[in-house]
N, C-alpha and C. Protein backbone atom coordinates (compact mmCIF):
# COMPACT_ATOMS: atom_id res chain seq x y z
N MET A 1 36.93 95.55 128.96
CA MET A 1 37.86 96.42 129.63
C MET A 1 39.31 96.07 129.24
N TRP A 2 39.60 94.77 129.09
CA TRP A 2 40.93 94.37 128.68
C TRP A 2 41.23 94.83 127.26
N TYR A 3 40.20 94.88 126.44
CA TYR A 3 40.39 95.37 125.06
C TYR A 3 40.79 96.84 125.06
N PHE A 4 40.18 97.59 125.96
CA PHE A 4 40.49 99.02 126.06
C PHE A 4 41.95 99.20 126.47
N PHE A 5 42.41 98.50 127.52
CA PHE A 5 43.80 98.61 127.96
C PHE A 5 44.77 98.09 126.90
N GLY A 6 44.36 97.07 126.19
CA GLY A 6 45.18 96.55 125.10
C GLY A 6 45.32 97.58 123.98
N ALA A 7 44.22 98.25 123.64
CA ALA A 7 44.25 99.28 122.59
C ALA A 7 45.12 100.47 123.03
N VAL A 8 44.99 100.90 124.29
CA VAL A 8 45.81 102.00 124.81
C VAL A 8 47.28 101.62 124.79
N ALA A 9 47.59 100.40 125.21
CA ALA A 9 48.98 99.94 125.20
C ALA A 9 49.52 99.88 123.78
N LEU A 10 48.72 99.44 122.84
CA LEU A 10 49.14 99.38 121.44
C LEU A 10 49.41 100.78 120.89
N VAL A 11 48.55 101.73 121.19
CA VAL A 11 48.74 103.12 120.76
C VAL A 11 50.01 103.68 121.40
N ALA A 12 50.22 103.40 122.68
CA ALA A 12 51.42 103.90 123.36
C ALA A 12 52.68 103.33 122.73
N VAL A 13 52.68 102.05 122.42
CA VAL A 13 53.84 101.42 121.77
C VAL A 13 54.08 102.05 120.40
N LEU A 14 53.01 102.30 119.66
CA LEU A 14 53.13 102.93 118.35
C LEU A 14 53.71 104.34 118.47
N VAL A 15 53.23 105.13 119.42
CA VAL A 15 53.73 106.50 119.62
C VAL A 15 55.21 106.46 120.01
N PHE A 16 55.57 105.60 120.96
CA PHE A 16 56.98 105.50 121.37
C PHE A 16 57.86 105.06 120.20
N SER A 17 57.39 104.13 119.43
CA SER A 17 58.14 103.64 118.28
C SER A 17 58.35 104.75 117.25
N LEU A 18 57.28 105.47 116.93
CA LEU A 18 57.39 106.58 115.97
C LEU A 18 58.31 107.67 116.49
N TYR A 19 58.19 108.00 117.75
CA TYR A 19 59.03 109.03 118.35
C TYR A 19 60.50 108.63 118.25
N ASN A 20 60.81 107.40 118.60
CA ASN A 20 62.20 106.93 118.52
C ASN A 20 62.72 106.93 117.10
N LYS A 21 61.87 106.57 116.15
CA LYS A 21 62.28 106.60 114.74
C LYS A 21 62.59 108.02 114.30
N LEU A 22 61.75 108.97 114.68
CA LEU A 22 61.97 110.37 114.31
C LEU A 22 63.22 110.93 114.97
N VAL A 23 63.47 110.58 116.21
CA VAL A 23 64.69 111.02 116.88
C VAL A 23 65.92 110.47 116.16
N THR A 24 65.87 109.20 115.80
CA THR A 24 66.98 108.57 115.08
C THR A 24 67.24 109.28 113.75
N LEU A 25 66.18 109.57 113.01
CA LEU A 25 66.33 110.25 111.72
C LEU A 25 66.86 111.67 111.90
N ARG A 26 66.38 112.37 112.93
CA ARG A 26 66.87 113.72 113.19
C ARG A 26 68.36 113.69 113.51
N GLN A 27 68.80 112.70 114.28
CA GLN A 27 70.22 112.57 114.60
C GLN A 27 71.05 112.24 113.35
N ARG A 28 70.49 111.47 112.44
CA ARG A 28 71.19 111.18 111.18
C ARG A 28 71.36 112.46 110.35
N VAL A 29 70.35 113.31 110.36
CA VAL A 29 70.45 114.59 109.65
C VAL A 29 71.57 115.42 110.27
N LYS A 30 71.63 115.49 111.59
CA LYS A 30 72.68 116.25 112.26
C LYS A 30 74.06 115.68 111.94
N ASN A 31 74.16 114.36 111.92
CA ASN A 31 75.43 113.72 111.60
C ASN A 31 75.84 114.02 110.15
N ALA A 32 74.89 113.93 109.24
CA ALA A 32 75.19 114.21 107.83
C ALA A 32 75.65 115.66 107.67
N TRP A 33 75.03 116.58 108.40
CA TRP A 33 75.45 117.99 108.32
C TRP A 33 76.87 118.15 108.88
N SER A 34 77.18 117.46 109.95
CA SER A 34 78.53 117.58 110.51
C SER A 34 79.58 117.05 109.53
N GLN A 35 79.22 116.04 108.72
CA GLN A 35 80.15 115.55 107.71
C GLN A 35 80.40 116.60 106.63
N ILE A 36 79.38 117.34 106.27
CA ILE A 36 79.56 118.44 105.32
C ILE A 36 80.48 119.49 105.94
N GLU A 37 80.25 119.81 107.20
CA GLU A 37 81.07 120.83 107.86
C GLU A 37 82.55 120.43 107.91
N VAL A 38 82.83 119.15 108.07
CA VAL A 38 84.22 118.67 108.07
C VAL A 38 84.87 118.98 106.72
N GLN A 39 84.16 118.68 105.64
CA GLN A 39 84.72 118.92 104.31
C GLN A 39 84.82 120.42 104.00
N LEU A 40 83.84 121.19 104.46
CA LEU A 40 83.91 122.64 104.25
C LEU A 40 85.09 123.24 105.01
N ARG A 41 85.32 122.76 106.22
CA ARG A 41 86.47 123.24 107.01
C ARG A 41 87.76 122.94 106.27
N ARG A 42 87.86 121.75 105.70
CA ARG A 42 89.06 121.40 104.93
C ARG A 42 89.22 122.35 103.75
N ARG A 43 88.13 122.65 103.08
CA ARG A 43 88.19 123.58 101.96
C ARG A 43 88.63 124.96 102.44
N TYR A 44 88.06 125.42 103.55
CA TYR A 44 88.42 126.74 104.08
C TYR A 44 89.89 126.80 104.46
N ASP A 45 90.44 125.69 104.93
CA ASP A 45 91.86 125.66 105.30
C ASP A 45 92.77 125.64 104.08
N LEU A 46 92.32 125.06 102.98
CA LEU A 46 93.14 125.00 101.76
C LEU A 46 93.17 126.33 101.01
N ILE A 47 92.09 127.07 101.08
CA ILE A 47 91.97 128.28 100.25
C ILE A 47 93.06 129.31 100.53
N PRO A 48 93.39 129.66 101.78
CA PRO A 48 94.46 130.65 101.98
C PRO A 48 95.80 130.21 101.39
N ASN A 49 96.12 128.93 101.48
CA ASN A 49 97.37 128.44 100.88
C ASN A 49 97.34 128.60 99.37
N LEU A 50 96.21 128.29 98.77
CA LEU A 50 96.08 128.43 97.33
C LEU A 50 96.20 129.89 96.91
N VAL A 51 95.53 130.77 97.63
CA VAL A 51 95.59 132.20 97.32
C VAL A 51 97.02 132.72 97.43
N GLU A 52 97.72 132.34 98.48
CA GLU A 52 99.10 132.79 98.65
C GLU A 52 100.01 132.30 97.52
N THR A 53 99.78 131.08 97.08
CA THR A 53 100.58 130.54 95.99
C THR A 53 100.33 131.31 94.70
N VAL A 54 99.07 131.60 94.41
CA VAL A 54 98.73 132.34 93.20
C VAL A 54 99.23 133.79 93.31
N LYS A 55 99.16 134.37 94.50
CA LYS A 55 99.62 135.74 94.71
C LYS A 55 101.08 135.92 94.29
N ALA A 56 101.88 134.92 94.55
CA ALA A 56 103.29 135.01 94.22
C ALA A 56 103.51 135.21 92.72
N TYR A 57 102.59 134.72 91.91
CA TYR A 57 102.73 134.83 90.45
C TYR A 57 101.89 135.97 89.86
N ALA A 58 100.80 136.29 90.49
CA ALA A 58 99.85 137.24 89.90
C ALA A 58 99.54 138.36 90.90
N ALA A 59 100.54 139.11 91.26
CA ALA A 59 100.40 140.12 92.30
C ALA A 59 99.37 141.19 91.94
N HIS A 60 99.15 141.47 90.65
CA HIS A 60 98.24 142.53 90.26
C HIS A 60 96.77 142.11 90.30
N GLU A 61 96.47 140.91 90.70
CA GLU A 61 95.09 140.40 90.77
C GLU A 61 94.50 140.57 92.18
N ARG A 62 94.81 141.69 92.82
CA ARG A 62 94.41 141.94 94.20
C ARG A 62 92.90 141.81 94.40
N GLU A 63 92.11 142.32 93.48
CA GLU A 63 90.65 142.28 93.62
C GLU A 63 90.13 140.83 93.68
N THR A 64 90.68 139.98 92.86
CA THR A 64 90.29 138.56 92.87
C THR A 64 90.60 137.93 94.22
N PHE A 65 91.79 138.21 94.76
CA PHE A 65 92.18 137.64 96.04
C PHE A 65 91.28 138.14 97.16
N GLU A 66 90.92 139.42 97.10
CA GLU A 66 90.04 139.98 98.13
C GLU A 66 88.65 139.35 98.07
N LYS A 67 88.15 139.12 96.86
CA LYS A 67 86.84 138.48 96.72
C LYS A 67 86.85 137.05 97.26
N VAL A 68 87.91 136.31 96.97
CA VAL A 68 88.01 134.94 97.48
C VAL A 68 88.04 134.96 99.00
N THR A 69 88.84 135.87 99.56
CA THR A 69 88.95 135.96 101.02
C THR A 69 87.62 136.35 101.65
N GLN A 70 86.92 137.32 101.05
CA GLN A 70 85.61 137.74 101.58
C GLN A 70 84.59 136.61 101.48
N ALA A 71 84.59 135.89 100.37
CA ALA A 71 83.65 134.79 100.20
C ALA A 71 83.94 133.67 101.20
N ARG A 72 85.21 133.40 101.44
CA ARG A 72 85.59 132.38 102.42
C ARG A 72 85.12 132.78 103.81
N THR A 73 85.34 134.05 104.18
CA THR A 73 84.92 134.54 105.49
C THR A 73 83.41 134.44 105.65
N ALA A 74 82.67 134.83 104.61
CA ALA A 74 81.21 134.75 104.66
C ALA A 74 80.74 133.30 104.81
N ALA A 75 81.38 132.39 104.09
CA ALA A 75 81.00 130.97 104.17
C ALA A 75 81.29 130.41 105.55
N MET A 76 82.40 130.81 106.13
CA MET A 76 82.75 130.31 107.46
C MET A 76 81.79 130.85 108.52
N GLY A 77 81.20 132.02 108.27
CA GLY A 77 80.30 132.63 109.25
C GLY A 77 78.84 132.26 109.08
N ALA A 78 78.52 131.48 108.08
CA ALA A 78 77.11 131.10 107.84
C ALA A 78 76.59 130.28 109.01
N GLN A 79 75.32 130.52 109.36
CA GLN A 79 74.75 129.90 110.55
C GLN A 79 73.84 128.72 110.26
N ASP A 80 73.11 128.76 109.15
CA ASP A 80 72.18 127.65 108.88
C ASP A 80 72.39 127.15 107.47
N VAL A 81 71.62 126.15 107.10
CA VAL A 81 71.81 125.49 105.81
C VAL A 81 71.61 126.45 104.65
N SER A 82 70.58 127.29 104.70
CA SER A 82 70.33 128.20 103.58
C SER A 82 71.42 129.26 103.47
N GLU A 83 71.93 129.77 104.59
CA GLU A 83 73.05 130.72 104.56
C GLU A 83 74.29 130.05 104.00
N HIS A 84 74.53 128.81 104.40
CA HIS A 84 75.69 128.08 103.87
C HIS A 84 75.57 127.90 102.37
N ALA A 85 74.39 127.56 101.89
CA ALA A 85 74.20 127.35 100.45
C ALA A 85 74.52 128.63 99.68
N LYS A 86 74.00 129.75 100.15
CA LYS A 86 74.24 131.03 99.47
C LYS A 86 75.73 131.39 99.51
N ALA A 87 76.35 131.23 100.67
CA ALA A 87 77.77 131.56 100.81
C ALA A 87 78.65 130.62 99.98
N GLU A 88 78.28 129.35 99.91
CA GLU A 88 79.06 128.40 99.12
C GLU A 88 78.94 128.68 97.63
N ASN A 89 77.78 129.17 97.18
CA ASN A 89 77.64 129.59 95.78
C ASN A 89 78.62 130.71 95.47
N ALA A 90 78.67 131.71 96.36
CA ALA A 90 79.58 132.83 96.14
C ALA A 90 81.04 132.37 96.16
N LEU A 91 81.37 131.50 97.10
CA LEU A 91 82.74 131.00 97.19
C LEU A 91 83.13 130.19 95.96
N ALA A 92 82.23 129.36 95.48
CA ALA A 92 82.52 128.58 94.27
C ALA A 92 82.78 129.50 93.08
N GLY A 93 82.01 130.57 92.97
CA GLY A 93 82.22 131.52 91.88
C GLY A 93 83.57 132.21 91.96
N THR A 94 83.97 132.61 93.17
CA THR A 94 85.27 133.27 93.30
C THR A 94 86.42 132.30 93.07
N LEU A 95 86.24 131.04 93.46
CA LEU A 95 87.29 130.06 93.19
C LEU A 95 87.44 129.81 91.69
N LYS A 96 86.30 129.82 90.97
CA LYS A 96 86.38 129.68 89.50
C LYS A 96 87.20 130.82 88.92
N THR A 97 86.99 132.04 89.43
CA THR A 97 87.74 133.20 88.96
C THR A 97 89.22 133.03 89.28
N LEU A 98 89.52 132.56 90.48
CA LEU A 98 90.91 132.36 90.88
C LEU A 98 91.60 131.35 89.96
N PHE A 99 90.91 130.25 89.64
CA PHE A 99 91.50 129.25 88.75
C PHE A 99 91.62 129.79 87.32
N ALA A 100 90.69 130.65 86.92
CA ALA A 100 90.79 131.26 85.60
C ALA A 100 92.02 132.17 85.53
N VAL A 101 92.29 132.91 86.60
CA VAL A 101 93.49 133.75 86.66
C VAL A 101 94.73 132.86 86.57
N ALA A 102 94.71 131.76 87.30
CA ALA A 102 95.86 130.85 87.31
C ALA A 102 96.14 130.29 85.92
N GLU A 103 95.09 130.09 85.13
CA GLU A 103 95.27 129.57 83.77
C GLU A 103 96.11 130.51 82.91
N SER A 104 96.14 131.79 83.25
CA SER A 104 96.88 132.77 82.47
C SER A 104 98.37 132.78 82.79
N TYR A 105 98.78 132.00 83.74
CA TYR A 105 100.18 131.99 84.16
C TYR A 105 100.76 130.58 84.03
N PRO A 106 101.40 130.30 82.90
CA PRO A 106 101.93 128.95 82.67
C PRO A 106 102.93 128.51 83.75
N GLU A 107 103.75 129.45 84.23
CA GLU A 107 104.73 129.08 85.26
C GLU A 107 104.03 128.70 86.57
N LEU A 108 102.87 129.30 86.83
CA LEU A 108 102.09 128.94 88.03
C LEU A 108 101.50 127.54 87.87
N LYS A 109 100.96 127.26 86.68
CA LYS A 109 100.38 125.94 86.44
C LYS A 109 101.42 124.84 86.57
N ALA A 110 102.70 125.19 86.34
CA ALA A 110 103.77 124.20 86.44
C ALA A 110 104.29 124.08 87.88
N ASP A 111 103.90 125.01 88.75
CA ASP A 111 104.37 125.00 90.14
C ASP A 111 103.80 123.78 90.87
N THR A 112 104.68 122.99 91.48
CA THR A 112 104.27 121.77 92.16
C THR A 112 103.32 122.05 93.31
N ASN A 113 103.62 123.09 94.09
CA ASN A 113 102.78 123.43 95.23
C ASN A 113 101.36 123.81 94.77
N PHE A 114 101.27 124.59 93.71
CA PHE A 114 99.96 124.99 93.19
C PHE A 114 99.19 123.76 92.70
N ARG A 115 99.86 122.92 91.94
CA ARG A 115 99.18 121.72 91.42
C ARG A 115 98.67 120.83 92.55
N GLN A 116 99.50 120.66 93.59
CA GLN A 116 99.10 119.83 94.72
C GLN A 116 97.89 120.46 95.43
N LEU A 117 97.92 121.77 95.66
CA LEU A 117 96.80 122.44 96.31
C LEU A 117 95.54 122.34 95.45
N GLN A 118 95.69 122.49 94.15
CA GLN A 118 94.55 122.40 93.25
C GLN A 118 93.95 120.99 93.28
N GLU A 119 94.81 119.98 93.29
CA GLU A 119 94.32 118.60 93.36
C GLU A 119 93.62 118.32 94.68
N GLU A 120 94.18 118.83 95.79
CA GLU A 120 93.54 118.63 97.09
C GLU A 120 92.19 119.33 97.14
N LEU A 121 92.13 120.53 96.58
CA LEU A 121 90.86 121.26 96.57
C LEU A 121 89.84 120.56 95.69
N THR A 122 90.28 120.04 94.57
CA THR A 122 89.38 119.29 93.68
C THR A 122 88.85 118.04 94.38
N ALA A 123 89.72 117.34 95.07
CA ALA A 123 89.28 116.15 95.82
C ALA A 123 88.31 116.53 96.92
N THR A 124 88.58 117.64 97.59
CA THR A 124 87.69 118.11 98.65
C THR A 124 86.34 118.50 98.08
N GLU A 125 86.34 119.13 96.91
CA GLU A 125 85.06 119.49 96.26
C GLU A 125 84.23 118.24 95.99
N GLY A 126 84.90 117.17 95.56
CA GLY A 126 84.19 115.91 95.33
C GLY A 126 83.60 115.35 96.62
N LYS A 127 84.36 115.45 97.71
CA LYS A 127 83.87 114.97 99.00
C LYS A 127 82.70 115.83 99.48
N ILE A 128 82.78 117.14 99.25
CA ILE A 128 81.67 118.03 99.62
C ILE A 128 80.43 117.65 98.84
N SER A 129 80.59 117.40 97.56
CA SER A 129 79.46 117.02 96.72
C SER A 129 78.82 115.72 97.22
N PHE A 130 79.65 114.73 97.53
CA PHE A 130 79.12 113.47 98.05
C PHE A 130 78.42 113.69 99.40
N SER A 131 79.05 114.46 100.28
CA SER A 131 78.46 114.73 101.60
C SER A 131 77.15 115.48 101.47
N ARG A 132 77.10 116.42 100.53
CA ARG A 132 75.87 117.19 100.31
C ARG A 132 74.76 116.27 99.80
N GLN A 133 75.10 115.34 98.91
CA GLN A 133 74.11 114.39 98.41
C GLN A 133 73.61 113.49 99.53
N PHE A 134 74.52 112.99 100.36
CA PHE A 134 74.15 112.16 101.49
C PHE A 134 73.25 112.93 102.46
N PHE A 135 73.63 114.18 102.75
CA PHE A 135 72.82 115.02 103.64
C PHE A 135 71.42 115.20 103.08
N ASN A 136 71.31 115.55 101.81
CA ASN A 136 70.00 115.77 101.21
C ASN A 136 69.16 114.49 101.18
N ASP A 137 69.80 113.34 100.96
CA ASP A 137 69.07 112.06 101.03
C ASP A 137 68.56 111.81 102.44
N THR A 138 69.39 112.10 103.43
CA THR A 138 69.00 111.92 104.83
C THR A 138 67.87 112.87 105.20
N VAL A 139 67.96 114.12 104.75
CA VAL A 139 66.89 115.10 105.01
C VAL A 139 65.59 114.63 104.35
N MET A 140 65.69 114.09 103.13
CA MET A 140 64.49 113.59 102.46
C MET A 140 63.83 112.48 103.27
N SER A 141 64.63 111.55 103.77
CA SER A 141 64.08 110.45 104.59
C SER A 141 63.41 110.99 105.85
N TYR A 142 64.07 111.94 106.49
CA TYR A 142 63.53 112.54 107.72
C TYR A 142 62.23 113.30 107.43
N ASN A 143 62.27 114.17 106.42
CA ASN A 143 61.07 114.96 106.09
C ASN A 143 59.91 114.07 105.66
N THR A 144 60.20 113.02 104.94
CA THR A 144 59.16 112.07 104.53
C THR A 144 58.56 111.39 105.75
N ALA A 145 59.42 110.98 106.68
CA ALA A 145 58.93 110.33 107.90
C ALA A 145 58.03 111.26 108.70
N LEU A 146 58.30 112.56 108.65
CA LEU A 146 57.45 113.52 109.36
C LEU A 146 56.07 113.67 108.74
N GLU A 147 55.98 113.42 107.44
CA GLU A 147 54.74 113.69 106.72
C GLU A 147 53.84 112.48 106.53
N VAL A 148 54.32 111.29 106.81
CA VAL A 148 53.50 110.09 106.59
C VAL A 148 52.62 109.83 107.81
N PHE A 149 51.52 109.17 107.54
CA PHE A 149 50.59 108.82 108.60
C PHE A 149 51.10 107.57 109.30
N PRO A 150 51.05 107.47 110.56
CA PRO A 150 50.48 108.32 111.59
C PRO A 150 51.48 109.30 112.21
N ALA A 151 52.74 109.31 111.73
CA ALA A 151 53.74 110.21 112.32
C ALA A 151 53.34 111.67 112.20
N VAL A 152 52.64 112.02 111.13
CA VAL A 152 52.23 113.40 110.94
C VAL A 152 51.37 113.89 112.11
N LEU A 153 50.70 112.99 112.80
CA LEU A 153 49.84 113.36 113.93
C LEU A 153 50.65 113.70 115.18
N ILE A 154 51.82 113.09 115.33
CA ILE A 154 52.58 113.32 116.56
C ILE A 154 53.85 114.15 116.35
N ALA A 155 54.33 114.28 115.14
CA ALA A 155 55.61 114.96 114.88
C ALA A 155 55.56 116.43 115.30
N GLY A 156 54.57 117.16 114.85
CA GLY A 156 54.47 118.58 115.18
C GLY A 156 54.34 118.84 116.67
N PRO A 157 53.39 118.20 117.33
CA PRO A 157 53.24 118.42 118.77
C PRO A 157 54.47 118.01 119.59
N MET A 158 55.29 117.11 119.07
CA MET A 158 56.48 116.68 119.80
C MET A 158 57.72 117.47 119.41
N GLY A 159 57.55 118.52 118.62
CA GLY A 159 58.65 119.43 118.31
C GLY A 159 59.52 119.08 117.13
N PHE A 160 59.08 118.17 116.28
CA PHE A 160 59.86 117.82 115.09
C PHE A 160 59.49 118.78 113.97
N LYS A 161 60.51 119.34 113.33
CA LYS A 161 60.30 120.28 112.23
C LYS A 161 61.06 119.80 111.00
N LYS A 162 60.53 120.17 109.82
CA LYS A 162 61.20 119.81 108.58
C LYS A 162 62.57 120.48 108.52
N GLU A 163 63.50 119.81 107.88
CA GLU A 163 64.84 120.34 107.67
C GLU A 163 64.96 120.86 106.25
N ASP A 164 65.86 121.83 106.05
CA ASP A 164 66.12 122.38 104.72
C ASP A 164 67.15 121.52 104.00
N TYR A 165 67.02 121.47 102.69
CA TYR A 165 68.03 120.82 101.85
C TYR A 165 69.20 121.77 101.66
N PHE A 166 70.37 121.21 101.37
CA PHE A 166 71.56 122.00 101.10
C PHE A 166 71.71 122.08 99.59
N ASN A 167 71.11 123.11 99.01
CA ASN A 167 71.11 123.28 97.56
C ASN A 167 72.11 124.35 97.17
N LEU A 168 72.90 124.04 96.17
CA LEU A 168 73.86 125.00 95.64
C LEU A 168 73.46 125.41 94.23
N GLU A 169 74.09 126.46 93.76
CA GLU A 169 73.89 126.97 92.41
C GLU A 169 72.44 127.30 92.10
N GLU A 170 71.80 127.98 93.05
CA GLU A 170 70.43 128.43 92.81
C GLU A 170 70.41 129.66 91.91
N GLU A 171 71.49 130.43 91.96
CA GLU A 171 71.55 131.66 91.20
C GLU A 171 71.99 131.37 89.76
N PRO A 172 71.33 131.98 88.76
CA PRO A 172 71.73 131.75 87.36
C PRO A 172 73.17 132.15 87.09
N ALA A 173 73.68 133.16 87.80
CA ALA A 173 75.05 133.61 87.58
C ALA A 173 76.07 132.53 87.92
N ALA A 174 75.70 131.61 88.80
CA ALA A 174 76.62 130.53 89.19
C ALA A 174 76.86 129.56 88.05
N ARG A 175 75.98 129.55 87.06
CA ARG A 175 76.12 128.62 85.93
C ARG A 175 76.86 129.23 84.75
N GLU A 176 77.11 130.53 84.80
CA GLU A 176 77.77 131.21 83.69
C GLU A 176 79.28 130.99 83.76
N PRO A 177 79.93 130.96 82.59
CA PRO A 177 81.39 130.81 82.60
C PRO A 177 82.05 132.05 83.19
N VAL A 178 83.20 131.85 83.79
CA VAL A 178 83.95 132.95 84.40
C VAL A 178 84.66 133.73 83.31
N ARG A 179 84.57 135.04 83.38
CA ARG A 179 85.25 135.90 82.42
C ARG A 179 86.42 136.60 83.11
N VAL A 180 87.59 136.47 82.51
CA VAL A 180 88.78 137.13 83.05
C VAL A 180 89.29 138.06 81.96
N GLN A 181 89.48 139.33 82.36
CA GLN A 181 89.99 140.33 81.42
C GLN A 181 91.23 140.97 81.99
N PHE A 182 92.19 141.21 81.11
CA PHE A 182 93.43 141.86 81.53
C PHE A 182 93.55 143.21 80.86
């Protein structure tokens, strides 16, 4: 009889331990996502300043500015990881176009404000890339923990679900060079 109670206690300790591990990993995923959101917010705040600076030199590029603004708005309104990935792909493409337009204006490239904004945006892009890598590594650890034995037996019934990776550049068009025509 003592063996039975000992076995039940051991199983209970194992279940509690696995549950706590999964909760900890799920919280790490949420934290990693919030770090991405911080960097994306910084990017969203820099973009209007960059657009306004370029507008001063390239007033006839209205369509490019509208696309950047629309892509920024869509990215800010994304609700989940897959929507963010799609919106960020579109935003990255429009930013490439904006920088390609800027390349055509030597006086703009020499503008201190533009250079500073471009450097800040480039640094932010690097931080987003690092945060995205950290998030995906954290999601991999969490998803793996959900699938290994014996956690796979308790994860589903206790409400743990796999998380999506934050993948960018899924579309072939995102890999093509930007074409600017005047």
